[in-house]
Amino acid sequence: MDASSTFQDTLPISSDALLEQLRTLGLSFTYHEHVPLRTVEDAKGVERGLIEDGETPFRVKNLYLRDKKKRNYLITLEQDREIDLKALGARLGVGNLSFGSADRLLENLGIRPGAVSPLAMATGGSKGVRLFIDAAAQKADRIYMHPLVNDRTIGMTPADLLAYFAQIDVAPEWLDLDA
């Protein structure tokens, strides 16, 4: 099954339900539909049409990772940031990290490969997934991410994203990779 909105009703929380929740909470976001995007390179092909003139965007790449103790992590980084998993595990104090499987991704974050997003903490928070976000996101005007499917992108201010996390009882940890 693909990660597009065609199959959103097979997810624990549909993209439509998430978007309605954001609206109900009074959180602002821009909304864009596009072809399904599976990789950062795919995203770069459409993102020019998403970003508003003059804004400082934060375009994400997301890593669903596990450690040897089977603890789960969602790492949200700036899309062009290079990352060494061994060094990241040491920095987080969790040892060696590896990518989680597609089955675990669906079980723990309620999404499919290609749609990984910090918004998946809507499911991940109750499953004990720890969220780390690149500290550079705090300086952006808008953070662009998938709303649980890979044929839609929304842009939210850091303040609105943090307000959403507060509503779902998720406390992201900031990861300062430039220090």
C-alpha atoms as a PDB file:
ATOM      1  CA  MET A   1       0.000   0.000   0.000  1.00  0.00           C
ATOM      2  CA  ASP A   2       1.326   3.452  -0.808  1.00  0.00           C
ATOM      3  CA  ALA A   3       1.549   6.453   1.512  1.00  0.00           C
ATOM      4  CA  SER A   4      -0.810   8.741  -0.421  1.00  0.00           C
ATOM      5  CA  SER A   5      -4.143  10.138   0.718  1.00  0.00           C
ATOM      6  CA  THR A   6      -5.870   7.460  -1.367  1.00  0.00           C
ATOM      7  CA  PHE A   7      -5.209   5.047   1.508  1.00  0.00           C
ATOM      8  CA  GLN A   8      -5.469   7.479   4.442  1.00  0.00           C
ATOM      9  CA  ASP A   9      -8.513   5.699   5.872  1.00  0.00           C
ATOM     10  CA  THR A  10      -6.321   2.668   6.604  1.00  0.00           C
ATOM     11  CA  LEU A  11      -4.215   4.718   9.053  1.00  0.00           C
ATOM     12  CA  PRO A  12      -4.976   5.064  12.785  1.00  0.00           C
ATOM     13  CA  ILE A  13      -5.541   8.799  12.154  1.00  0.00           C
ATOM     14  CA  SER A  14      -6.390   9.942   8.639  1.00  0.00           C
ATOM     15  CA  SER A  15      -4.798  13.014   7.118  1.00  0.00           C
ATOM     16  CA  ASP A  16      -8.252  14.587   6.833  1.00  0.00           C
ATOM     17  CA  ALA A  17      -8.890  13.995  10.549  1.00  0.00           C
ATOM     18  CA  LEU A  18      -5.509  15.495  11.458  1.00  0.00           C
ATOM     19  CA  LEU A  19      -6.158  18.593   9.349  1.00  0.00           C
ATOM     20  CA  GLU A  20      -9.591  18.999  10.931  1.00  0.00           C
ATOM     21  CA  GLN A  21      -8.021  18.678  14.391  1.00  0.00           C
ATOM     22  CA  LEU A  22      -5.526  21.447  13.548  1.00  0.00           C
ATOM     23  CA  ARG A  23      -8.384  23.688  12.343  1.00  0.00           C
ATOM     24  CA  THR A  24     -10.472  22.948  15.440  1.00  0.00           C
ATOM     25  CA  LEU A  25      -7.528  23.919  17.635  1.00  0.00           C
ATOM     26  CA  GLY A  26      -7.307  27.216  15.749  1.00  0.00           C
ATOM     27  CA  LEU A  27      -3.836  26.458  14.387  1.00  0.00           C
ATOM     28  CA  SER A  28      -2.850  28.076  11.122  1.00  0.00           C
ATOM     29  CA  PHE A  29      -1.246  26.228   8.234  1.00  0.00           C
ATOM     30  CA  THR A  30      -0.772  26.425   4.494  1.00  0.00           C
ATOM     31  CA  TYR A  31      -1.982  23.416   2.520  1.00  0.00           C
ATOM     32  CA  HIS A  32      -0.694  21.989  -0.748  1.00  0.00           C
ATOM     33  CA  GLU A  33      -1.567  18.896  -2.794  1.00  0.00           C
ATOM     34  CA  HIS A  34       0.989  17.390  -5.164  1.00  0.00           C
ATOM     35  CA  VAL A  35       2.230  14.125  -6.618  1.00  0.00           C
ATOM     36  CA  PRO A  36       3.320  11.566  -3.998  1.00  0.00           C
ATOM     37  CA  LEU A  37       6.802  12.376  -2.700  1.00  0.00           C
ATOM     38  CA  ARG A  38       8.923   9.517  -1.416  1.00  0.00           C
ATOM     39  CA  THR A  39      12.317  11.166  -0.972  1.00  0.00           C
ATOM     40  CA  VAL A  40      13.934  14.521  -0.262  1.00  0.00           C
ATOM     41  CA  GLU A  41      14.943  14.655  -3.933  1.00  0.00           C
ATOM     42  CA  ASP A  42      11.293  14.198  -4.958  1.00  0.00           C
ATOM     43  CA  ALA A  43      10.300  17.004  -2.582  1.00  0.00           C
ATOM     44  CA  LYS A  44      12.871  19.395  -4.002  1.00  0.00           C
ATOM     45  CA  GLY A  45      11.117  19.088  -7.340  1.00  0.00           C
ATOM     46  CA  VAL A  46       7.848  20.552  -6.036  1.00  0.00           C
ATOM     47  CA  GLU A  47       8.826  22.700  -3.059  1.00  0.00           C
ATOM     48  CA  ARG A  48       9.448  25.888  -5.044  1.00  0.00           C
ATOM     49  CA  GLY A  49       5.688  26.191  -5.440  1.00  0.00           C
ATOM     50  CA  LEU A  50       5.048  25.764  -1.722  1.00  0.00           C
ATOM     51  CA  ILE A  51       7.283  28.408  -0.205  1.00  0.00           C
ATOM     52  CA  GLU A  52       6.046  31.974   0.086  1.00  0.00           C
ATOM     53  CA  ASP A  53       8.269  34.787  -1.147  1.00  0.00           C
ATOM     54  CA  GLY A  54      10.554  36.200   1.530  1.00  0.00           C
ATOM     55  CA  GLU A  55       9.984  33.515   4.136  1.00  0.00           C
ATOM     56  CA  THR A  56      12.663  31.418   5.803  1.00  0.00           C
ATOM     57  CA  PRO A  57      11.443  27.850   5.308  1.00  0.00           C
ATOM     58  CA  PHE A  58      12.434  24.726   7.193  1.00  0.00           C
ATOM     59  CA  ARG A  59      11.994  21.746   4.871  1.00  0.00           C
ATOM     60  CA  VAL A  60      12.218  18.466   6.689  1.00  0.00           C
ATOM     61  CA  LYS A  61      13.570  15.004   6.337  1.00  0.00           C
ATOM     62  CA  ASN A  62      12.513  12.544   8.989  1.00  0.00           C
ATOM     63  CA  LEU A  63      14.183   9.425  10.298  1.00  0.00           C
ATOM     64  CA  TYR A  64      12.331   6.713  12.208  1.00  0.00           C
ATOM     65  CA  LEU A  65      15.023   4.983  14.269  1.00  0.00           C
ATOM     66  CA  ARG A  66      15.343   2.313  16.960  1.00  0.00           C
ATOM     67  CA  ASP A  67      18.084   1.453  19.402  1.00  0.00           C
ATOM     68  CA  LYS A  68      19.187  -1.981  20.612  1.00  0.00           C
ATOM     69  CA  LYS A  69      16.761  -1.726  23.546  1.00  0.00           C
ATOM     70  CA  LYS A  70      13.930  -1.381  20.999  1.00  0.00           C
ATOM     71  CA  ARG A  71      13.196   2.234  21.959  1.00  0.00           C
ATOM     72  CA  ASN A  72      11.796   4.316  19.111  1.00  0.00           C
ATOM     73  CA  TYR A  73      12.864   7.767  17.928  1.00  0.00           C
ATOM     74  CA  LEU A  74      11.602  10.205  15.354  1.00  0.00           C
ATOM     75  CA  ILE A  75      14.333  12.577  14.241  1.00  0.00           C
ATOM     76  CA  THR A  76      13.266  15.634  12.229  1.00  0.00           C
ATOM     77  CA  LEU A  77      16.116  17.393  10.445  1.00  0.00           C
ATOM     78  CA  GLU A  78      16.596  20.080   7.821  1.00  0.00           C
ATOM     79  CA  GLN A  79      16.330  18.212   4.531  1.00  0.00           C
ATOM     80  CA  ASP A  80      19.917  18.793   3.393  1.00  0.00           C
ATOM     81  CA  ARG A  81      21.573  18.017   6.717  1.00  0.00           C
ATOM     82  CA  GLU A  82      23.988  15.093   6.597  1.00  0.00           C
ATOM     83  CA  ILE A  83      23.724  12.761   9.585  1.00  0.00           C
ATOM     84  CA  ASP A  84      25.921   9.988  10.936  1.00  0.00           C
ATOM     85  CA  LEU A  85      23.708   7.519  12.815  1.00  0.00           C
ATOM     86  CA  LYS A  86      26.551   6.289  15.015  1.00  0.00           C
ATOM     87  CA  ALA A  87      27.462   9.836  16.051  1.00  0.00           C
ATOM     88  CA  LEU A  88      23.786  10.711  16.541  1.00  0.00           C
ATOM     89  CA  GLY A  89      23.266   7.707  18.818  1.00  0.00           C
ATOM     90  CA  ALA A  90      26.283   8.722  20.878  1.00  0.00           C
ATOM     91  CA  ARG A  91      25.086  12.328  21.072  1.00  0.00           C
ATOM     92  CA  LEU A  92      21.652  11.215  22.264  1.00  0.00           C
ATOM     93  CA  GLY A  93      23.232   8.780  24.710  1.00  0.00           C
ATOM     94  CA  VAL A  94      21.284   5.830  23.323  1.00  0.00           C
ATOM     95  CA  GLY A  95      23.966   3.776  21.601  1.00  0.00           C
ATOM     96  CA  ASN A  96      23.701   2.420  18.091  1.00  0.00           C
ATOM     97  CA  LEU A  97      20.688   3.425  16.057  1.00  0.00           C
ATOM     98  CA  SER A  98      19.142   1.691  13.062  1.00  0.00           C
ATOM     99  CA  PHE A  99      16.141   2.340  10.871  1.00  0.00           C
ATOM    100  CA  GLY A 100      12.833   0.908  12.015  1.00  0.00           C
ATOM    101  CA  SER A 101      10.872  -1.374   9.704  1.00  0.00           C
ATOM    102  CA  ALA A 102       7.782  -0.349   7.747  1.00  0.00           C
ATOM    103  CA  ASP A 103       5.644  -2.518  10.046  1.00  0.00           C
ATOM    104  CA  ARG A 104       7.026  -0.824  13.165  1.00  0.00           C
ATOM    105  CA  LEU A 105       6.610   2.570  11.528  1.00  0.00           C
ATOM    106  CA  LEU A 106       2.902   1.885  11.038  1.00  0.00           C
ATOM    107  CA  GLU A 107       2.552   0.403  14.523  1.00  0.00           C
ATOM    108  CA  ASN A 108       4.397   3.178  16.389  1.00  0.00           C
ATOM    109  CA  LEU A 109       3.758   6.283  14.284  1.00  0.00           C
ATOM    110  CA  GLY A 110       0.644   5.314  12.336  1.00  0.00           C
ATOM    111  CA  ILE A 111       2.146   6.123   8.931  1.00  0.00           C
ATOM    112  CA  ARG A 112       3.803   4.455   5.963  1.00  0.00           C
ATOM    113  CA  PRO A 113       7.282   4.961   4.510  1.00  0.00           C
ATOM    114  CA  GLY A 114       7.378   8.131   2.451  1.00  0.00           C
ATOM    115  CA  ALA A 115       5.026  10.042   4.769  1.00  0.00           C
ATOM    116  CA  VAL A 116       7.179  10.259   7.903  1.00  0.00           C
ATOM    117  CA  SER A 117       6.455  13.535   9.658  1.00  0.00           C
ATOM    118  CA  PRO A 118       6.638  15.106  13.110  1.00  0.00           C
ATOM    119  CA  LEU A 119       2.833  15.234  12.913  1.00  0.00           C
ATOM    120  CA  ALA A 120       2.898  11.433  13.260  1.00  0.00           C
ATOM    121  CA  MET A 121       3.469  12.057  16.960  1.00  0.00           C
ATOM    122  CA  ALA A 122      -0.331  12.167  17.077  1.00  0.00           C
ATOM    123  CA  THR A 123       0.086   8.377  17.293  1.00  0.00           C
ATOM    124  CA  GLY A 124       3.731   8.197  18.385  1.00  0.00           C
ATOM    125  CA  GLY A 125       3.261  10.132  21.610  1.00  0.00           C
ATOM    126  CA  SER A 126       1.101   7.425  23.165  1.00  0.00           C
ATOM    127  CA  LYS A 127       3.491   4.735  21.897  1.00  0.00           C
ATOM    128  CA  GLY A 128       6.514   6.178  23.711  1.00  0.00           C
ATOM    129  CA  VAL A 129       8.315   7.474  20.618  1.00  0.00           C
ATOM    130  CA  ARG A 130      10.807  10.240  21.469  1.00  0.00           C
ATOM    131  CA  LEU A 131      10.806  13.202  19.106  1.00  0.00           C
ATOM    132  CA  PHE A 132      13.981  15.150  18.368  1.00  0.00           C
ATOM    133  CA  ILE A 133      13.805  18.213  16.131  1.00  0.00           C
ATOM    134  CA  ASP A 134      16.717  20.039  14.567  1.00  0.00           C
ATOM    135  CA  ALA A 135      17.079  23.259  16.592  1.00  0.00           C
ATOM    136  CA  ALA A 136      17.405  25.206  13.325  1.00  0.00           C
ATOM    137  CA  ALA A 137      13.625  24.769  12.898  1.00  0.00           C
ATOM    138  CA  GLN A 138      13.066  27.327  15.655  1.00  0.00           C
ATOM    139  CA  LYS A 139      14.492  30.057  13.397  1.00  0.00           C
ATOM    140  CA  ALA A 140      12.190  29.318  10.458  1.00  0.00           C
ATOM    141  CA  ASP A 141       9.106  31.262   9.481  1.00  0.00           C
ATOM    142  CA  ARG A 142       7.377  28.039   8.482  1.00  0.00           C
ATOM    143  CA  ILE A 143       8.069  24.313   8.807  1.00  0.00           C
ATOM    144  CA  TYR A 144       6.965  22.224   5.826  1.00  0.00           C
ATOM    145  CA  MET A 145       5.899  18.624   6.448  1.00  0.00           C
ATOM    146  CA  HIS A 146       3.519  15.893   5.338  1.00  0.00           C
ATOM    147  CA  PRO A 147       0.193  15.618   7.185  1.00  0.00           C
ATOM    148  CA  LEU A 148       0.518  11.788   7.504  1.00  0.00           C
ATOM    149  CA  VAL A 149       0.364  11.210   3.727  1.00  0.00           C
ATOM    150  CA  ASN A 150       2.933  11.937   1.027  1.00  0.00           C
ATOM    151  CA  ASP A 151       0.768  13.704  -1.551  1.00  0.00           C
ATOM    152  CA  ARG A 152       0.060  16.670   0.707  1.00  0.00           C
ATOM    153  CA  THR A 153       2.332  19.158   2.442  1.00  0.00           C
ATOM    154  CA  ILE A 154       1.431  21.689   5.070  1.00  0.00           C
ATOM    155  CA  GLY A 155       3.458  24.596   6.380  1.00  0.00           C
ATOM    156  CA  MET A 156       3.155  25.668  10.011  1.00  0.00           C
ATOM    157  CA  THR A 157       4.945  28.247  12.078  1.00  0.00           C
ATOM    158  CA  PRO A 158       7.157  26.775  14.799  1.00  0.00           C
ATOM    159  CA  ALA A 159       4.804  28.310  17.394  1.00  0.00           C
ATOM    160  CA  ASP A 160       1.740  26.595  15.909  1.00  0.00           C
ATOM    161  CA  LEU A 161       3.568  23.269  15.646  1.00  0.00           C
ATOM    162  CA  LEU A 162       4.614  23.530  19.298  1.00  0.00           C
ATOM    163  CA  ALA A 163       1.040  24.447  20.256  1.00  0.00           C
ATOM    164  CA  TYR A 164      -0.128  21.270  18.519  1.00  0.00           C
ATOM    165  CA  PHE A 165       2.446  19.189  20.375  1.00  0.00           C
ATOM    166  CA  ALA A 166       1.252  20.701  23.666  1.00  0.00           C
ATOM    167  CA  GLN A 167      -2.329  19.692  22.800  1.00  0.00           C
ATOM    168  CA  ILE A 168      -1.307  16.074  22.199  1.00  0.00           C
ATOM    169  CA  ASP A 169       1.053  16.004  25.211  1.00  0.00           C
ATOM    170  CA  VAL A 170       4.269  15.630  23.221  1.00  0.00           C
ATOM    171  CA  ALA A 171       7.438  17.413  24.338  1.00  0.00           C
ATOM    172  CA  PRO A 172       9.908  17.582  21.445  1.00  0.00           C
ATOM    173  CA  GLU A 173      13.592  17.661  22.314  1.00  0.00           C
ATOM    174  CA  TRP A 174      15.686  20.174  20.401  1.00  0.00           C
ATOM    175  CA  LEU A 175      18.761  18.825  18.733  1.00  0.00           C
ATOM    176  CA  ASP A 176      21.462  21.457  18.219  1.00  0.00           C
ATOM    177  CA  LEU A 177      23.665  19.880  15.592  1.00  0.00           C
ATOM    178  CA  ASP A 178      25.610  23.067  14.951  1.00  0.00           C
ATOM    179  CA  ALA A 179      27.020  23.301  18.481  1.00  0.00           C
END
